[in-house]
Amino acid sequence: MSREEVLKKVQEIVAEKLGVDLDEVVEDAALIDDLGADSLDLVDLVMEFEEAFDVKIEDEELENIKTIGDIVEGIMKKIS
């Protein structure tokens, strides 16, 4: 799966789960500050990403996820 495909899928999941426009879900958008996610949203998103990409995201990794780009990079490391 290419980086662009991962980004597109992440954007779709985030937009749907957080109820924001797809246009707002850009790589440098901060999940909490820009997209309005709270800690429960983050856990929900992680479960969605794990299912969509068949990966496991550890709790320690979650602490380092701040932006859409962080998510994409983390998933790319796990699937490549």
N, C-alpha and C. Protein backbone atom coordinates (compact mmCIF):
# COMPACT_ATOMS: atom_id res chain seq x y z
N MET A 1 0.85 -1.18 0.00
CA MET A 1 0.00 0.00 0.00
C MET A 1 0.90 1.24 0.00
N SER A 2 0.61 2.17 -0.88
CA SER A 2 1.44 3.37 -0.99
C SER A 2 1.11 4.36 0.12
N ARG A 3 2.01 5.31 0.32
CA ARG A 3 1.79 6.34 1.35
C ARG A 3 0.52 7.14 1.04
N GLU A 4 0.29 7.41 -0.25
CA GLU A 4 -0.89 8.17 -0.64
C GLU A 4 -2.17 7.40 -0.32
N GLU A 5 -2.14 6.08 -0.52
CA GLU A 5 -3.31 5.25 -0.21
C GLU A 5 -3.58 5.23 1.29
N VAL A 6 -2.49 5.13 2.08
CA VAL A 6 -2.63 5.14 3.53
C VAL A 6 -3.20 6.49 3.97
N LEU A 7 -2.66 7.58 3.44
CA LEU A 7 -3.13 8.92 3.80
C LEU A 7 -4.61 9.07 3.48
N LYS A 8 -5.02 8.64 2.31
CA LYS A 8 -6.42 8.77 1.89
C LYS A 8 -7.34 8.00 2.85
N LYS A 9 -6.96 6.78 3.20
CA LYS A 9 -7.77 5.96 4.10
C LYS A 9 -7.83 6.58 5.50
N VAL A 10 -6.68 7.07 6.00
CA VAL A 10 -6.64 7.73 7.31
C VAL A 10 -7.56 8.95 7.30
N GLN A 11 -7.48 9.74 6.23
CA GLN A 11 -8.32 10.94 6.13
C GLN A 11 -9.80 10.58 6.16
N GLU A 12 -10.18 9.52 5.44
CA GLU A 12 -11.58 9.10 5.40
C GLU A 12 -12.06 8.66 6.78
N ILE A 13 -11.22 7.88 7.47
CA ILE A 13 -11.59 7.39 8.81
C ILE A 13 -11.74 8.55 9.78
N VAL A 14 -10.77 9.46 9.78
CA VAL A 14 -10.80 10.59 10.71
C VAL A 14 -12.01 11.50 10.43
N ALA A 15 -12.25 11.80 9.17
CA ALA A 15 -13.39 12.66 8.82
C ALA A 15 -14.70 12.04 9.28
N GLU A 16 -14.85 10.73 9.06
CA GLU A 16 -16.09 10.05 9.44
C GLU A 16 -16.23 10.00 10.97
N LYS A 17 -15.19 9.59 11.67
CA LYS A 17 -15.26 9.41 13.12
C LYS A 17 -15.42 10.74 13.87
N LEU A 18 -14.74 11.78 13.39
CA LEU A 18 -14.80 13.06 14.10
C LEU A 18 -15.87 14.00 13.56
N GLY A 19 -16.50 13.61 12.46
CA GLY A 19 -17.56 14.43 11.90
C GLY A 19 -17.05 15.76 11.35
N VAL A 20 -15.86 15.72 10.74
CA VAL A 20 -15.30 16.94 10.14
C VAL A 20 -15.24 16.76 8.62
N ASP A 21 -15.11 17.87 7.91
CA ASP A 21 -14.98 17.81 6.46
C ASP A 21 -13.65 17.19 6.08
N LEU A 22 -13.69 16.40 5.01
CA LEU A 22 -12.47 15.77 4.51
C LEU A 22 -11.39 16.81 4.20
N ASP A 23 -11.82 18.00 3.76
CA ASP A 23 -10.89 19.08 3.43
C ASP A 23 -10.06 19.53 4.63
N GLU A 24 -10.61 19.36 5.84
CA GLU A 24 -9.91 19.78 7.05
C GLU A 24 -8.84 18.78 7.49
N VAL A 25 -8.95 17.54 7.00
CA VAL A 25 -8.07 16.47 7.46
C VAL A 25 -6.81 16.44 6.58
N VAL A 26 -5.94 17.42 6.81
CA VAL A 26 -4.67 17.51 6.08
C VAL A 26 -3.55 16.97 6.95
N GLU A 27 -2.41 16.69 6.34
CA GLU A 27 -1.32 16.04 7.08
C GLU A 27 -0.85 16.79 8.31
N ASP A 28 -0.85 18.11 8.27
CA ASP A 28 -0.35 18.85 9.43
C ASP A 28 -1.46 19.25 10.40
N ALA A 29 -2.67 18.73 10.18
CA ALA A 29 -3.77 19.01 11.10
C ALA A 29 -3.56 18.25 12.41
N ALA A 30 -3.63 18.97 13.53
CA ALA A 30 -3.49 18.35 14.85
C ALA A 30 -4.84 17.74 15.23
N LEU A 31 -4.81 16.49 15.66
CA LEU A 31 -6.05 15.80 16.00
C LEU A 31 -6.85 16.53 17.07
N ILE A 32 -6.18 16.97 18.12
CA ILE A 32 -6.88 17.62 19.22
C ILE A 32 -7.14 19.09 18.94
N ASP A 33 -6.10 19.84 18.62
CA ASP A 33 -6.23 21.29 18.47
C ASP A 33 -7.01 21.71 17.22
N ASP A 34 -6.77 21.03 16.09
CA ASP A 34 -7.41 21.43 14.84
C ASP A 34 -8.71 20.69 14.54
N LEU A 35 -8.76 19.41 14.92
CA LEU A 35 -9.91 18.59 14.53
C LEU A 35 -10.87 18.30 15.69
N GLY A 36 -10.51 18.76 16.88
CA GLY A 36 -11.42 18.66 18.02
C GLY A 36 -11.55 17.29 18.66
N ALA A 37 -10.58 16.42 18.44
CA ALA A 37 -10.63 15.09 19.06
C ALA A 37 -10.34 15.18 20.55
N ASP A 38 -10.96 14.27 21.31
CA ASP A 38 -10.60 14.16 22.72
C ASP A 38 -9.95 12.78 22.92
N SER A 39 -9.60 12.46 24.16
CA SER A 39 -8.86 11.21 24.40
C SER A 39 -9.68 9.98 24.01
N LEU A 40 -10.98 10.04 24.21
CA LEU A 40 -11.83 8.92 23.82
C LEU A 40 -11.86 8.77 22.30
N ASP A 41 -11.91 9.89 21.59
CA ASP A 41 -11.86 9.86 20.12
C ASP A 41 -10.57 9.21 19.64
N LEU A 42 -9.45 9.55 20.30
CA LEU A 42 -8.16 9.00 19.89
C LEU A 42 -8.13 7.49 20.03
N VAL A 43 -8.66 6.98 21.13
CA VAL A 43 -8.71 5.53 21.33
C VAL A 43 -9.58 4.89 20.26
N ASP A 44 -10.71 5.50 19.96
CA ASP A 44 -11.62 5.00 18.93
C ASP A 44 -10.94 4.99 17.56
N LEU A 45 -10.22 6.06 17.26
CA LEU A 45 -9.51 6.15 15.99
C LEU A 45 -8.44 5.08 15.88
N VAL A 46 -7.69 4.87 16.96
CA VAL A 46 -6.63 3.85 16.95
C VAL A 46 -7.24 2.47 16.65
N MET A 47 -8.37 2.16 17.26
CA MET A 47 -9.01 0.87 16.98
C MET A 47 -9.42 0.77 15.51
N GLU A 48 -9.90 1.86 14.95
CA GLU A 48 -10.28 1.87 13.53
C GLU A 48 -9.05 1.65 12.64
N PHE A 49 -7.94 2.34 12.97
CA PHE A 49 -6.72 2.18 12.17
C PHE A 49 -6.18 0.76 12.27
N GLU A 50 -6.22 0.20 13.47
CA GLU A 50 -5.72 -1.17 13.65
C GLU A 50 -6.50 -2.14 12.79
N GLU A 51 -7.82 -1.96 12.74
CA GLU A 51 -8.66 -2.84 11.94
C GLU A 51 -8.45 -2.60 10.44
N ALA A 52 -8.42 -1.33 10.04
CA ALA A 52 -8.32 -0.99 8.62
C ALA A 52 -6.99 -1.42 8.00
N PHE A 53 -5.92 -1.32 8.79
CA PHE A 53 -4.58 -1.60 8.25
C PHE A 53 -3.97 -2.88 8.79
N ASP A 54 -4.71 -3.59 9.64
CA ASP A 54 -4.24 -4.84 10.25
C ASP A 54 -2.89 -4.64 10.94
N VAL A 55 -2.84 -3.64 11.81
CA VAL A 55 -1.63 -3.34 12.58
C VAL A 55 -2.01 -3.22 14.06
N LYS A 56 -1.01 -3.21 14.92
CA LYS A 56 -1.22 -3.00 16.35
C LYS A 56 -0.50 -1.72 16.73
N ILE A 57 -1.24 -0.78 17.34
CA ILE A 57 -0.66 0.48 17.79
C ILE A 57 -0.61 0.45 19.31
N GLU A 58 0.59 0.48 19.85
CA GLU A 58 0.78 0.40 21.30
C GLU A 58 0.41 1.72 21.97
N ASP A 59 0.08 1.66 23.25
CA ASP A 59 -0.28 2.86 24.01
C ASP A 59 0.84 3.89 24.00
N GLU A 60 2.10 3.42 24.07
CA GLU A 60 3.23 4.35 24.07
C GLU A 60 3.29 5.13 22.75
N GLU A 61 2.93 4.46 21.66
CA GLU A 61 2.94 5.13 20.36
C GLU A 61 1.86 6.19 20.28
N LEU A 62 0.75 5.93 20.93
CA LEU A 62 -0.38 6.87 20.91
C LEU A 62 0.03 8.24 21.47
N GLU A 63 0.92 8.23 22.45
CA GLU A 63 1.38 9.48 23.05
C GLU A 63 2.10 10.37 22.04
N ASN A 64 2.70 9.76 21.01
CA ASN A 64 3.46 10.51 20.01
C ASN A 64 2.63 10.91 18.80
N ILE A 65 1.39 10.50 18.78
CA ILE A 65 0.53 10.82 17.63
C ILE A 65 -0.18 12.14 17.90
N LYS A 66 0.22 13.15 17.17
CA LYS A 66 -0.38 14.48 17.32
C LYS A 66 -1.11 14.93 16.06
N THR A 67 -0.58 14.55 14.89
CA THR A 67 -1.14 15.02 13.62
C THR A 67 -1.52 13.85 12.71
N ILE A 68 -2.21 14.17 11.65
CA ILE A 68 -2.56 13.17 10.63
C ILE A 68 -1.28 12.57 10.05
N GLY A 69 -0.28 13.40 9.83
CA GLY A 69 1.00 12.92 9.30
C GLY A 69 1.65 11.91 10.22
N ASP A 70 1.55 12.13 11.54
CA ASP A 70 2.11 11.18 12.52
C ASP A 70 1.45 9.81 12.36
N ILE A 71 0.16 9.80 12.16
CA ILE A 71 -0.58 8.55 11.99
C ILE A 71 -0.09 7.82 10.75
N VAL A 72 -0.01 8.56 9.64
CA VAL A 72 0.41 7.96 8.37
C VAL A 72 1.81 7.38 8.49
N GLU A 73 2.74 8.14 9.10
CA GLU A 73 4.12 7.65 9.26
C GLU A 73 4.16 6.39 10.11
N GLY A 74 3.41 6.38 11.20
CA GLY A 74 3.39 5.22 12.07
C GLY A 74 2.86 3.98 11.37
N ILE A 75 1.80 4.16 10.59
CA ILE A 75 1.23 3.02 9.86
C ILE A 75 2.19 2.55 8.77
N MET A 76 2.82 3.47 8.07
CA MET A 76 3.76 3.10 7.01
C MET A 76 4.91 2.26 7.57
N LYS A 77 5.40 2.60 8.76
CA LYS A 77 6.49 1.82 9.38
C LYS A 77 6.04 0.40 9.68
N LYS A 78 4.77 0.24 10.02
CA LYS A 78 4.26 -1.08 10.40
C LYS A 78 3.92 -1.96 9.20
N ILE A 79 3.55 -1.36 8.10
CA ILE A 79 3.13 -2.18 6.95
C ILE A 79 4.23 -2.38 5.92
N SER A 80 5.34 -1.66 6.07
CA SER A 80 6.40 -1.82 5.05
C SER A 80 7.43 -2.84 5.47
